[in-house]
Amino acid sequence: MIVGIGVDLVDIARFERTLERTPRLLERLFSPAERELKPRSLAARYAAKEALIKALGGSDGVHWTEIEVTPEASGRPWFTLTGSTSAAVVERGITTLHLSMSHDAGFATAYVIAESETAR
């Protein structure tokens, strides 16, 4: 059963300017592995993390660096959650997260669906 949906859209150029003005955002928003990526990929991951928070219904117990977007061998993006963020997802009864991301024409977008085995 779907228990949450989240979507986010990021202007890549604006996001890149924000990172240039505030370099510490990289450490606050992204895992060490993600920090090595190009700005368009970081913008898509930022959108994914925002969409996840929306699908969860809020940010209680969620920490940005505990959410990592990791690609499967096929390239399909997937969330790798750790710490209190992983616990928050479990506490909400969420058993499956679906993620889709894209970037084109200066924008990055992400869509997340959260599923539970039972209605809450």
Foldseek 3Di string as FASTA:
>chain_A
DWQFKFKFKDQLVVQVVVCVVPVCVLVQAEAPVQSPDDSQSVQQLSRQVRGVQRRLVHCVQHGRHQWHWDADPVRQTDTRGDDSNVVSCVVSQWDDKHKDWDDDPRMIMMMIITDHPDDD
